[in-house]
């Protein structure tokens, strides 16, 4: 064998040994376990009440707008009746303000006629007093009284005529506006009460799956207290908690394959959509323990690129990441 062939063979052997050593000593890929998650909705009522009807059971699928829970509130029913009565009172008052009745006009005209007749009488009495005063039959005081009575009658006629004009024309615009505002105020209170009564009927805000039923028939719940929990089965994702020293190369928009053991180890194509730091409680290492910086944990969320049949929240998920060592 020539020396050239020996050299080539030696190089091939050395390369094969090097490749074998690299293959044996290379760090294994990092295996991270996560789980399937979904949006959760804790459904509650905006009004307090007693549970009257529960229309769903655990595991039921509901559509948007489906009845979930119906509450009852005698207090709100009584308030609605009170508010309705207040509206009727305000409307009656408005009608009274704007209405011009024939009877009131007739009374006002009669008052004007009587005041005018009294003025005529006082005018004649004043004339007699003036004539008698010229002949010194009566005193100046009697004449002054007659003048005073005549002037009072003149003012009385003016007042009754003004009342007749007001009775004929009805209330002023300001009075009409005030009466209308009372109606609007009472109507607004009634609508607010009816809205609260409508809130006693709780419907599903999304298409979802019932995962928790807190309410039971007959129980009282305050406004905002959870009654039913739903998860959105149309918006599932995978979530992984990864220590920050393993995040090298993980970026938003990057694609991976996730293994789902519950679906016969189905490989699901996913895309990273969220990388978010977890709370301080998720620190893995302390400086005093290692002499190094604290290491935090990040939540990495990845969404399937297509629909995955059979995928449900809580299923385990496994992803392999390249080793950083």
C-alpha atoms as a PDB file:
ATOM      1  CA  UNK A   1       0.000   0.000   0.000  1.00  0.00           C
ATOM      2  CA  UNK A   2       1.409   3.346  -0.942  1.00  0.00           C
ATOM      3  CA  UNK A   3       2.073   6.037   1.621  1.00  0.00           C
ATOM      4  CA  UNK A   4      -0.654   8.238   0.038  1.00  0.00           C
ATOM      5  CA  UNK A   5      -3.352   5.649   0.583  1.00  0.00           C
ATOM      6  CA  UNK A   6      -2.157   5.121   4.142  1.00  0.00           C
ATOM      7  CA  UNK A   7      -2.461   8.850   4.804  1.00  0.00           C
ATOM      8  CA  UNK A   8      -5.989   8.992   3.353  1.00  0.00           C
ATOM      9  CA  UNK A   9      -7.050   5.969   5.397  1.00  0.00           C
ATOM     10  CA  UNK A  10      -5.610   7.538   8.545  1.00  0.00           C
ATOM     11  CA  UNK A  11      -7.494  10.777   7.917  1.00  0.00           C
ATOM     12  CA  UNK A  12     -10.764   8.857   7.425  1.00  0.00           C
ATOM     13  CA  UNK A  13     -10.240   6.905  10.661  1.00  0.00           C
ATOM     14  CA  UNK A  14      -9.447  10.089  12.614  1.00  0.00           C
ATOM     15  CA  UNK A  15     -12.526  11.843  11.186  1.00  0.00           C
ATOM     16  CA  UNK A  16     -14.751   8.877  12.009  1.00  0.00           C
ATOM     17  CA  UNK A  17     -13.412   8.780  15.572  1.00  0.00           C
ATOM     18  CA  UNK A  18     -13.940  12.540  15.927  1.00  0.00           C
ATOM     19  CA  UNK A  19     -17.519  12.311  14.641  1.00  0.00           C
ATOM     20  CA  UNK A  20     -18.189   9.388  16.962  1.00  0.00           C
ATOM     21  CA  UNK A  21     -16.786  11.230  19.956  1.00  0.00           C
ATOM     22  CA  UNK A  22     -18.871  14.329  19.076  1.00  0.00           C
ATOM     23  CA  UNK A  23     -21.990  12.222  18.734  1.00  0.00           C
ATOM     24  CA  UNK A  24     -21.392  10.499  22.061  1.00  0.00           C
ATOM     25  CA  UNK A  25     -20.430  13.613  23.998  1.00  0.00           C
ATOM     26  CA  UNK A  26     -22.861  16.128  22.441  1.00  0.00           C
ATOM     27  CA  UNK A  27     -25.397  17.505  24.895  1.00  0.00           C
ATOM     28  CA  UNK A  28     -28.887  16.009  24.537  1.00  0.00           C
ATOM     29  CA  UNK A  29     -31.740  18.282  23.426  1.00  0.00           C
ATOM     30  CA  UNK A  30     -33.654  20.061  26.186  1.00  0.00           C
ATOM     31  CA  UNK A  31     -37.063  18.475  26.764  1.00  0.00           C
ATOM     32  CA  UNK A  32     -39.686  20.830  28.194  1.00  0.00           C
ATOM     33  CA  UNK A  33     -43.114  19.696  29.394  1.00  0.00           C
ATOM     34  CA  UNK A  34     -46.076  22.014  29.286  1.00  0.00           C
ATOM     35  CA  UNK A  35     -49.818  21.762  28.941  1.00  0.00           C
ATOM     36  CA  UNK A  36     -52.764  22.843  26.856  1.00  0.00           C
ATOM     37  CA  UNK A  37     -54.506  25.991  28.102  1.00  0.00           C
ATOM     38  CA  UNK A  38     -57.517  28.057  27.068  1.00  0.00           C
ATOM     39  CA  UNK A  39     -59.310  31.296  27.909  1.00  0.00           C
ATOM     40  CA  UNK A  40     -61.445  30.901  31.027  1.00  0.00           C
ATOM     41  CA  UNK A  41     -64.558  32.923  31.754  1.00  0.00           C
ATOM     42  CA  UNK A  42     -66.015  33.203  35.245  1.00  0.00           C
ATOM     43  CA  UNK A  43     -69.593  34.240  34.522  1.00  0.00           C
ATOM     44  CA  UNK A  44     -71.416  36.384  37.063  1.00  0.00           C
ATOM     45  CA  UNK A  45     -74.477  38.601  37.319  1.00  0.00           C
ATOM     46  CA  UNK A  46     -74.378  42.381  37.709  1.00  0.00           C
ATOM     47  CA  UNK A  47     -77.248  42.255  40.200  1.00  0.00           C
ATOM     48  CA  UNK A  48     -77.679  40.403  43.471  1.00  0.00           C
ATOM     49  CA  UNK A  49     -80.316  37.695  43.652  1.00  0.00           C
ATOM     50  CA  UNK A  50     -81.338  34.148  44.521  1.00  0.00           C
ATOM     51  CA  UNK A  51     -80.571  31.356  42.048  1.00  0.00           C
ATOM     52  CA  UNK A  52     -83.847  30.281  40.481  1.00  0.00           C
ATOM     53  CA  UNK A  53     -82.721  28.191  37.497  1.00  0.00           C
ATOM     54  CA  UNK A  54     -79.471  26.563  36.381  1.00  0.00           C
ATOM     55  CA  UNK A  55     -79.672  25.623  32.715  1.00  0.00           C
ATOM     56  CA  UNK A  56     -76.302  23.846  32.312  1.00  0.00           C
ATOM     57  CA  UNK A  57     -74.349  20.985  33.835  1.00  0.00           C
ATOM     58  CA  UNK A  58     -70.642  20.233  34.047  1.00  0.00           C
ATOM     59  CA  UNK A  59     -69.244  19.304  30.656  1.00  0.00           C
ATOM     60  CA  UNK A  60     -72.067  20.911  28.676  1.00  0.00           C
ATOM     61  CA  UNK A  61     -71.199  22.848  25.546  1.00  0.00           C
ATOM     62  CA  UNK A  62     -72.910  26.238  25.295  1.00  0.00           C
ATOM     63  CA  UNK A  63     -73.194  28.768  22.500  1.00  0.00           C
ATOM     64  CA  UNK A  64     -73.051  32.530  22.735  1.00  0.00           C
ATOM     65  CA  UNK A  65     -76.336  33.834  24.150  1.00  0.00           C
ATOM     66  CA  UNK A  66     -77.466  30.514  25.682  1.00  0.00           C
ATOM     67  CA  UNK A  67     -79.144  30.741  29.077  1.00  0.00           C
ATOM     68  CA  UNK A  68     -76.785  29.721  31.866  1.00  0.00           C
ATOM     69  CA  UNK A  69     -78.339  30.879  35.158  1.00  0.00           C
ATOM     70  CA  UNK A  70     -81.471  32.820  36.059  1.00  0.00           C
ATOM     71  CA  UNK A  71     -81.694  34.716  39.353  1.00  0.00           C
ATOM     72  CA  UNK A  72     -84.711  36.171  41.138  1.00  0.00           C
ATOM     73  CA  UNK A  73     -84.841  39.405  43.127  1.00  0.00           C
ATOM     74  CA  UNK A  74     -88.126  40.461  44.792  1.00  0.00           C
ATOM     75  CA  UNK A  75     -86.465  43.728  45.779  1.00  0.00           C
ATOM     76  CA  UNK A  76     -85.831  44.688  42.159  1.00  0.00           C
ATOM     77  CA  UNK A  77     -89.379  43.717  41.203  1.00  0.00           C
ATOM     78  CA  UNK A  78     -90.738  45.987  43.933  1.00  0.00           C
ATOM     79  CA  UNK A  79     -88.414  48.792  42.842  1.00  0.00           C
ATOM     80  CA  UNK A  80     -89.653  48.467  39.267  1.00  0.00           C
ATOM     81  CA  UNK A  81     -93.253  48.921  40.419  1.00  0.00           C
ATOM     82  CA  UNK A  82     -92.257  51.959  42.484  1.00  0.00           C
ATOM     83  CA  UNK A  83     -90.357  53.503  39.587  1.00  0.00           C
ATOM     84  CA  UNK A  84     -93.284  52.836  37.238  1.00  0.00           C
ATOM     85  CA  UNK A  85     -95.620  54.636  39.644  1.00  0.00           C
ATOM     86  CA  UNK A  86     -93.180  57.567  39.802  1.00  0.00           C
ATOM     87  CA  UNK A  87     -93.267  57.821  36.008  1.00  0.00           C
ATOM     88  CA  UNK A  88     -97.065  57.907  36.010  1.00  0.00           C
ATOM     89  CA  UNK A  89     -97.088  60.613  38.690  1.00  0.00           C
ATOM     90  CA  UNK A  90     -94.591  62.718  36.714  1.00  0.00           C
ATOM     91  CA  UNK A  91     -96.682  62.355  33.548  1.00  0.00           C
ATOM     92  CA  UNK A  92     -99.850  63.367  35.408  1.00  0.00           C
ATOM     93  CA  UNK A  93     -98.066  66.402  36.828  1.00  0.00           C
ATOM     94  CA  UNK A  94     -96.854  67.373  33.352  1.00  0.00           C
ATOM     95  CA  UNK A  95    -100.409  67.102  32.016  1.00  0.00           C
ATOM     96  CA  UNK A  96    -101.635  69.277  34.868  1.00  0.00           C
ATOM     97  CA  UNK A  97     -99.015  71.901  34.072  1.00  0.00           C
ATOM     98  CA  UNK A  98     -99.693  72.135  30.346  1.00  0.00           C
ATOM     99  CA  UNK A  99    -103.454  71.618  30.416  1.00  0.00           C
ATOM    100  CA  UNK A 100    -105.778  74.641  30.051  1.00  0.00           C
ATOM    101  CA  UNK A 101    -109.210  73.727  31.439  1.00  0.00           C
ATOM    102  CA  UNK A 102    -112.395  75.501  30.404  1.00  0.00           C
ATOM    103  CA  UNK A 103    -113.547  75.605  34.014  1.00  0.00           C
ATOM    104  CA  UNK A 104    -110.443  77.532  35.084  1.00  0.00           C
ATOM    105  CA  UNK A 105    -110.912  79.995  32.241  1.00  0.00           C
ATOM    106  CA  UNK A 106    -114.567  80.534  33.198  1.00  0.00           C
ATOM    107  CA  UNK A 107    -113.606  81.164  36.836  1.00  0.00           C
ATOM    108  CA  UNK A 108    -110.882  83.624  35.785  1.00  0.00           C
ATOM    109  CA  UNK A 109    -113.321  85.482  33.511  1.00  0.00           C
ATOM    110  CA  UNK A 110    -115.846  85.660  36.354  1.00  0.00           C
ATOM    111  CA  UNK A 111    -113.158  87.115  38.638  1.00  0.00           C
ATOM    112  CA  UNK A 112    -112.393  89.772  36.024  1.00  0.00           C
ATOM    113  CA  UNK A 113    -116.110  90.631  35.699  1.00  0.00           C
ATOM    114  CA  UNK A 114    -116.488  90.905  39.480  1.00  0.00           C
ATOM    115  CA  UNK A 115    -113.369  93.058  39.813  1.00  0.00           C
ATOM    116  CA  UNK A 116    -114.574  95.345  37.027  1.00  0.00           C
ATOM    117  CA  UNK A 117    -117.995  95.689  38.677  1.00  0.00           C
ATOM    118  CA  UNK A 118    -116.325  96.564  41.970  1.00  0.00           C
ATOM    119  CA  UNK A 119    -114.180  99.148  40.178  1.00  0.00           C
ATOM    120  CA  UNK A 120    -117.289 100.718  38.632  1.00  0.00           C
ATOM    121  CA  UNK A 121    -118.856 100.925  42.063  1.00  0.00           C
ATOM    122  CA  UNK A 122    -115.767 102.499  43.571  1.00  0.00           C
ATOM    123  CA  UNK A 123    -115.637 105.035  40.709  1.00  0.00           C
ATOM    124  CA  UNK A 124    -119.220 106.156  41.421  1.00  0.00           C
ATOM    125  CA  UNK A 125    -118.568 106.366  45.172  1.00  0.00           C
ATOM    126  CA  UNK A 126    -115.494 108.490  44.475  1.00  0.00           C
ATOM    127  CA  UNK A 127    -117.525 110.858  42.279  1.00  0.00           C
ATOM    128  CA  UNK A 128    -120.154 111.287  45.009  1.00  0.00           C
ATOM    129  CA  UNK A 129    -117.472 111.906  47.616  1.00  0.00           C
ATOM    130  CA  UNK A 130    -115.855 114.548  45.398  1.00  0.00           C
ATOM    131  CA  UNK A 131    -119.185 116.365  44.849  1.00  0.00           C
ATOM    132  CA  UNK A 132    -120.041 116.251  48.536  1.00  0.00           C
ATOM    133  CA  UNK A 133    -116.589 117.539  49.422  1.00  0.00           C
ATOM    134  CA  UNK A 134    -117.109 120.577  47.210  1.00  0.00           C
ATOM    135  CA  UNK A 135    -120.098 121.571  49.407  1.00  0.00           C
ATOM    136  CA  UNK A 136    -118.231 120.612  52.615  1.00  0.00           C
ATOM    137  CA  UNK A 137    -120.833 117.954  53.389  1.00  0.00           C
ATOM    138  CA  UNK A 138    -118.132 115.275  53.862  1.00  0.00           C
ATOM    139  CA  UNK A 139    -114.655 115.480  55.277  1.00  0.00           C
ATOM    140  CA  UNK A 140    -111.376 115.221  53.392  1.00  0.00           C
ATOM    141  CA  UNK A 141    -110.789 111.903  55.112  1.00  0.00           C
ATOM    142  CA  UNK A 142    -113.888 110.393  53.480  1.00  0.00           C
ATOM    143  CA  UNK A 143    -112.649 111.580  50.088  1.00  0.00           C
ATOM    144  CA  UNK A 144    -109.223 110.044  50.701  1.00  0.00           C
ATOM    145  CA  UNK A 145    -110.817 106.717  51.603  1.00  0.00           C
ATOM    146  CA  UNK A 146    -112.856 106.750  48.412  1.00  0.00           C
ATOM    147  CA  UNK A 147    -109.720 107.449  46.359  1.00  0.00           C
ATOM    148  CA  UNK A 148    -107.866 104.636  48.105  1.00  0.00           C
ATOM    149  CA  UNK A 149    -110.712 102.176  47.473  1.00  0.00           C
ATOM    150  CA  UNK A 150    -110.896 103.193  43.815  1.00  0.00           C
ATOM    151  CA  UNK A 151    -107.132 102.665  43.352  1.00  0.00           C
ATOM    152  CA  UNK A 152    -107.327  99.270  45.044  1.00  0.00           C
ATOM    153  CA  UNK A 153    -110.115  98.265  42.687  1.00  0.00           C
ATOM    154  CA  UNK A 154    -108.005  99.327  39.696  1.00  0.00           C
ATOM    155  CA  UNK A 155    -105.159  97.089  40.879  1.00  0.00           C
ATOM    156  CA  UNK A 156    -107.643  94.288  41.514  1.00  0.00           C
ATOM    157  CA  UNK A 157    -108.911  94.452  37.926  1.00  0.00           C
ATOM    158  CA  UNK A 158    -105.339  94.380  36.605  1.00  0.00           C
ATOM    159  CA  UNK A 159    -104.521  91.328  38.747  1.00  0.00           C
ATOM    160  CA  UNK A 160    -107.590  89.360  37.682  1.00  0.00           C
ATOM    161  CA  UNK A 161    -106.938  90.165  34.010  1.00  0.00           C
ATOM    162  CA  UNK A 162    -103.353  88.917  34.391  1.00  0.00           C
ATOM    163  CA  UNK A 163    -104.638  85.695  35.968  1.00  0.00           C
ATOM    164  CA  UNK A 164    -107.060  85.295  33.075  1.00  0.00           C
ATOM    165  CA  UNK A 165    -104.229  85.683  30.554  1.00  0.00           C
ATOM    166  CA  UNK A 166    -102.102  83.118  32.400  1.00  0.00           C
ATOM    167  CA  UNK A 167    -104.994  80.689  32.677  1.00  0.00           C
ATOM    168  CA  UNK A 168    -105.723  81.036  28.986  1.00  0.00           C
ATOM    169  CA  UNK A 169    -102.124  80.655  27.784  1.00  0.00           C
ATOM    170  CA  UNK A 170    -101.184  77.935  30.304  1.00  0.00           C
ATOM    171  CA  UNK A 171     -97.823  77.334  31.984  1.00  0.00           C
ATOM    172  CA  UNK A 172     -94.621  79.070  30.960  1.00  0.00           C
ATOM    173  CA  UNK A 173     -91.978  77.268  28.894  1.00  0.00           C
ATOM    174  CA  UNK A 174     -89.752  76.975  31.952  1.00  0.00           C
ATOM    175  CA  UNK A 175     -92.528  75.237  33.893  1.00  0.00           C
ATOM    176  CA  UNK A 176     -93.188  72.901  30.974  1.00  0.00           C
ATOM    177  CA  UNK A 177     -89.482  72.059  30.715  1.00  0.00           C
ATOM    178  CA  UNK A 178     -89.247  71.375  34.442  1.00  0.00           C
ATOM    179  CA  UNK A 179     -92.256  69.048  34.323  1.00  0.00           C
ATOM    180  CA  UNK A 180     -90.748  67.224  31.320  1.00  0.00           C
ATOM    181  CA  UNK A 181     -87.433  66.824  33.134  1.00  0.00           C
ATOM    182  CA  UNK A 182     -89.261  65.175  36.036  1.00  0.00           C
ATOM    183  CA  UNK A 183     -90.703  62.664  33.575  1.00  0.00           C
ATOM    184  CA  UNK A 184     -87.275  62.015  32.049  1.00  0.00           C
ATOM    185  CA  UNK A 185     -85.728  61.529  35.477  1.00  0.00           C
ATOM    186  CA  UNK A 186     -88.392  59.057  36.556  1.00  0.00           C
ATOM    187  CA  UNK A 187     -88.161  57.215  33.224  1.00  0.00           C
ATOM    188  CA  UNK A 188     -84.365  56.928  33.550  1.00  0.00           C
ATOM    189  CA  UNK A 189     -84.701  55.417  37.022  1.00  0.00           C
ATOM    190  CA  UNK A 190     -87.242  52.915  35.675  1.00  0.00           C
ATOM    191  CA  UNK A 191     -84.968  51.938  32.776  1.00  0.00           C
ATOM    192  CA  UNK A 192     -82.041  51.455  35.149  1.00  0.00           C
ATOM    193  CA  UNK A 193     -84.113  49.131  37.314  1.00  0.00           C
ATOM    194  CA  UNK A 194     -85.322  47.164  34.298  1.00  0.00           C
ATOM    195  CA  UNK A 195     -81.731  46.814  33.103  1.00  0.00           C
ATOM    196  CA  UNK A 196     -80.765  45.340  36.476  1.00  0.00           C
ATOM    197  CA  UNK A 197     -83.681  42.917  36.237  1.00  0.00           C
ATOM    198  CA  UNK A 198     -82.503  41.852  32.781  1.00  0.00           C
ATOM    199  CA  UNK A 199     -79.062  41.188  34.289  1.00  0.00           C
ATOM    200  CA  UNK A 200     -80.656  38.538  36.504  1.00  0.00           C
ATOM    201  CA  UNK A 201     -80.831  36.385  33.371  1.00  0.00           C
ATOM    202  CA  UNK A 202     -77.223  35.324  32.797  1.00  0.00           C
ATOM    203  CA  UNK A 203     -76.253  34.113  29.309  1.00  0.00           C
ATOM    204  CA  UNK A 204     -73.006  32.767  27.925  1.00  0.00           C
ATOM    205  CA  UNK A 205     -70.748  35.459  26.413  1.00  0.00           C
ATOM    206  CA  UNK A 206     -68.870  32.944  24.213  1.00  0.00           C
ATOM    207  CA  UNK A 207     -69.054  29.469  22.764  1.00  0.00           C
ATOM    208  CA  UNK A 208     -67.489  27.283  25.413  1.00  0.00           C
ATOM    209  CA  UNK A 209     -67.457  24.284  27.717  1.00  0.00           C
ATOM    210  CA  UNK A 210     -68.759  24.336  31.295  1.00  0.00           C
ATOM    211  CA  UNK A 211     -65.871  23.442  33.606  1.00  0.00           C
ATOM    212  CA  UNK A 212     -67.192  24.566  37.009  1.00  0.00           C
ATOM    213  CA  UNK A 213     -70.635  25.098  38.486  1.00  0.00           C
ATOM    214  CA  UNK A 214     -70.463  27.182  41.641  1.00  0.00           C
ATOM    215  CA  UNK A 215     -74.121  28.160  41.884  1.00  0.00           C
ATOM    216  CA  UNK A 216     -76.852  25.939  43.294  1.00  0.00           C
ATOM    217  CA  UNK A 217     -80.591  26.553  43.155  1.00  0.00           C
ATOM    218  CA  UNK A 218     -81.779  28.573  46.138  1.00  0.00           C
ATOM    219  CA  UNK A 219     -78.434  30.165  46.974  1.00  0.00           C
ATOM    220  CA  UNK A 220     -78.026  33.929  47.193  1.00  0.00           C
ATOM    221  CA  UNK A 221     -75.230  35.573  45.239  1.00  0.00           C
ATOM    222  CA  UNK A 222     -74.031  39.147  45.308  1.00  0.00           C
ATOM    223  CA  UNK A 223     -73.277  41.131  42.167  1.00  0.00           C
ATOM    224  CA  UNK A 224     -70.042  40.013  40.531  1.00  0.00           C
ATOM    225  CA  UNK A 225     -69.809  36.664  42.341  1.00  0.00           C
ATOM    226  CA  UNK A 226     -68.880  33.808  39.935  1.00  0.00           C
ATOM    227  CA  UNK A 227     -71.745  31.462  39.086  1.00  0.00           C
ATOM    228  CA  UNK A 228     -70.390  29.315  36.240  1.00  0.00           C
ATOM    229  CA  UNK A 229     -66.940  28.872  34.667  1.00  0.00           C
ATOM    230  CA  UNK A 230     -66.457  28.311  30.935  1.00  0.00           C
ATOM    231  CA  UNK A 231     -63.455  27.685  28.726  1.00  0.00           C
ATOM    232  CA  UNK A 232     -63.236  28.732  25.096  1.00  0.00           C
ATOM    233  CA  UNK A 233     -62.663  25.506  23.167  1.00  0.00           C
ATOM    234  CA  UNK A 234     -62.082  27.420  19.924  1.00  0.00           C
ATOM    235  CA  UNK A 235     -58.987  29.196  21.239  1.00  0.00           C
ATOM    236  CA  UNK A 236     -56.534  26.641  22.652  1.00  0.00           C
ATOM    237  CA  UNK A 237     -52.788  27.090  23.070  1.00  0.00           C
ATOM    238  CA  UNK A 238     -49.753  25.408  24.603  1.00  0.00           C
ATOM    239  CA  UNK A 239     -47.985  26.967  27.569  1.00  0.00           C
ATOM    240  CA  UNK A 240     -44.469  26.155  28.798  1.00  0.00           C
ATOM    241  CA  UNK A 241     -42.570  27.545  31.784  1.00  0.00           C
ATOM    242  CA  UNK A 242     -38.923  27.871  30.721  1.00  0.00           C
ATOM    243  CA  UNK A 243     -35.983  29.088  32.773  1.00  0.00           C
ATOM    244  CA  UNK A 244     -34.326  32.119  31.221  1.00  0.00           C
ATOM    245  CA  UNK A 245     -30.962  30.392  30.639  1.00  0.00           C
ATOM    246  CA  UNK A 246     -32.800  27.960  28.309  1.00  0.00           C
ATOM    247  CA  UNK A 247     -34.505  30.711  26.287  1.00  0.00           C
ATOM    248  CA  UNK A 248     -31.632  31.249  23.883  1.00  0.00           C
ATOM    249  CA  UNK A 249     -33.048  31.018  20.369  1.00  0.00           C
ATOM    250  CA  UNK A 250     -36.695  31.052  21.430  1.00  0.00           C
ATOM    251  CA  UNK A 251     -38.375  34.016  19.738  1.00  0.00           C
ATOM    252  CA  UNK A 252     -41.902  35.170  18.979  1.00  0.00           C
ATOM    253  CA  UNK A 253     -42.981  33.869  15.600  1.00  0.00           C
ATOM    254  CA  UNK A 254     -40.661  30.864  15.734  1.00  0.00           C
ATOM    255  CA  UNK A 255     -42.151  27.478  14.772  1.00  0.00           C
ATOM    256  CA  UNK A 256     -41.798  24.219  16.699  1.00  0.00           C
ATOM    257  CA  UNK A 257     -43.386  20.809  16.847  1.00  0.00           C
ATOM    258  CA  UNK A 258     -45.122  19.829  20.071  1.00  0.00           C
ATOM    259  CA  UNK A 259     -45.803  16.225  21.047  1.00  0.00           C
ATOM    260  CA  UNK A 260     -49.176  15.485  22.673  1.00  0.00           C
ATOM    261  CA  UNK A 261     -49.083  12.119  24.503  1.00  0.00           C
ATOM    262  CA  UNK A 262     -52.852  12.066  25.029  1.00  0.00           C
ATOM    263  CA  UNK A 263     -53.405  12.106  21.255  1.00  0.00           C
ATOM    264  CA  UNK A 264     -51.196   9.087  20.565  1.00  0.00           C
ATOM    265  CA  UNK A 265     -48.046  11.257  20.588  1.00  0.00           C
ATOM    266  CA  UNK A 266     -49.430  13.447  17.827  1.00  0.00           C
ATOM    267  CA  UNK A 267     -46.931  16.051  16.610  1.00  0.00           C
ATOM    268  CA  UNK A 268     -48.577  19.471  16.367  1.00  0.00           C
ATOM    269  CA  UNK A 269     -47.083  22.404  14.476  1.00  0.00           C
ATOM    270  CA  UNK A 270     -47.123  25.529  16.661  1.00  0.00           C
ATOM    271  CA  UNK A 271     -45.919  29.110  16.541  1.00  0.00           C
ATOM    272  CA  UNK A 272     -44.617  31.084  19.533  1.00  0.00           C
ATOM    273  CA  UNK A 273     -46.936  34.029  20.256  1.00  0.00           C
ATOM    274  CA  UNK A 274     -46.068  35.173  23.802  1.00  0.00           C
ATOM    275  CA  UNK A 275     -42.913  35.241  25.936  1.00  0.00           C
ATOM    276  CA  UNK A 276     -43.753  36.698  29.319  1.00  0.00           C
ATOM    277  CA  UNK A 277     -41.830  36.754  32.591  1.00  0.00           C
ATOM    278  CA  UNK A 278     -43.498  35.074  35.564  1.00  0.00           C
ATOM    279  CA  UNK A 279     -43.659  36.487  39.091  1.00  0.00           C
ATOM    280  CA  UNK A 280     -40.853  36.672  41.629  1.00  0.00           C
ATOM    281  CA  UNK A 281     -42.019  33.375  43.113  1.00  0.00           C
ATOM    282  CA  UNK A 282     -40.733  31.645  39.963  1.00  0.00           C
ATOM    283  CA  UNK A 283     -37.039  32.369  40.654  1.00  0.00           C
ATOM    284  CA  UNK A 284     -35.105  29.131  40.282  1.00  0.00           C
ATOM    285  CA  UNK A 285     -31.723  29.991  41.744  1.00  0.00           C
ATOM    286  CA  UNK A 286     -30.658  32.348  44.527  1.00  0.00           C
ATOM    287  CA  UNK A 287     -27.458  34.391  44.348  1.00  0.00           C
ATOM    288  CA  UNK A 288     -26.360  33.253  47.796  1.00  0.00           C
ATOM    289  CA  UNK A 289     -26.733  29.590  46.804  1.00  0.00           C
ATOM    290  CA  UNK A 290     -24.797  29.659  43.528  1.00  0.00           C
ATOM    291  CA  UNK A 291     -22.771  32.831  43.541  1.00  0.00           C
ATOM    292  CA  UNK A 292     -24.450  33.767  40.279  1.00  0.00           C
ATOM    293  CA  UNK A 293     -27.302  35.992  39.215  1.00  0.00           C
ATOM    294  CA  UNK A 294     -30.891  35.024  40.023  1.00  0.00           C
ATOM    295  CA  UNK A 295     -32.572  33.144  37.194  1.00  0.00           C
ATOM    296  CA  UNK A 296     -36.189  33.878  36.376  1.00  0.00           C
ATOM    297  CA  UNK A 297     -38.809  31.733  34.681  1.00  0.00           C
ATOM    298  CA  UNK A 298     -40.703  32.832  31.588  1.00  0.00           C
ATOM    299  CA  UNK A 299     -44.042  31.677  30.252  1.00  0.00           C
ATOM    300  CA  UNK A 300     -43.823  30.767  26.582  1.00  0.00           C
ATOM    301  CA  UNK A 301     -47.132  30.471  24.786  1.00  0.00           C
ATOM    302  CA  UNK A 302     -47.417  28.720  21.415  1.00  0.00           C
ATOM    303  CA  UNK A 303     -50.557  28.436  19.330  1.00  0.00           C
ATOM    304  CA  UNK A 304     -51.335  25.612  16.884  1.00  0.00           C
ATOM    305  CA  UNK A 305     -51.088  26.649  13.249  1.00  0.00           C
ATOM    306  CA  UNK A 306     -54.240  24.655  12.461  1.00  0.00           C
ATOM    307  CA  UNK A 307     -57.204  22.981  14.132  1.00  0.00           C
ATOM    308  CA  UNK A 308     -56.303  19.933  16.246  1.00  0.00           C
ATOM    309  CA  UNK A 309     -59.143  17.467  16.786  1.00  0.00           C
ATOM    310  CA  UNK A 310     -59.426  16.071  20.291  1.00  0.00           C
ATOM    311  CA  UNK A 311     -57.201  18.695  21.913  1.00  0.00           C
ATOM    312  CA  UNK A 312     -58.476  19.686  25.362  1.00  0.00           C
ATOM    313  CA  UNK A 313     -57.209  21.966  28.139  1.00  0.00           C
ATOM    314  CA  UNK A 314     -54.994  20.227  30.679  1.00  0.00           C
ATOM    315  CA  UNK A 315     -53.400  17.766  28.243  1.00  0.00           C
ATOM    316  CA  UNK A 316     -49.638  17.427  28.578  1.00  0.00           C
ATOM    317  CA  UNK A 317     -47.389  18.729  25.829  1.00  0.00           C
ATOM    318  CA  UNK A 318     -43.696  18.053  25.160  1.00  0.00           C
ATOM    319  CA  UNK A 319     -41.318  20.164  23.104  1.00  0.00           C
ATOM    320  CA  UNK A 320     -37.626  19.730  22.403  1.00  0.00           C
ATOM    321  CA  UNK A 321     -35.320  22.731  22.437  1.00  0.00           C
ATOM    322  CA  UNK A 322     -31.692  22.781  21.346  1.00  0.00           C
ATOM    323  CA  UNK A 323     -29.318  22.493  24.311  1.00  0.00           C
ATOM    324  CA  UNK A 324     -27.572  25.724  25.315  1.00  0.00           C
ATOM    325  CA  UNK A 325     -24.613  23.970  26.941  1.00  0.00           C
END
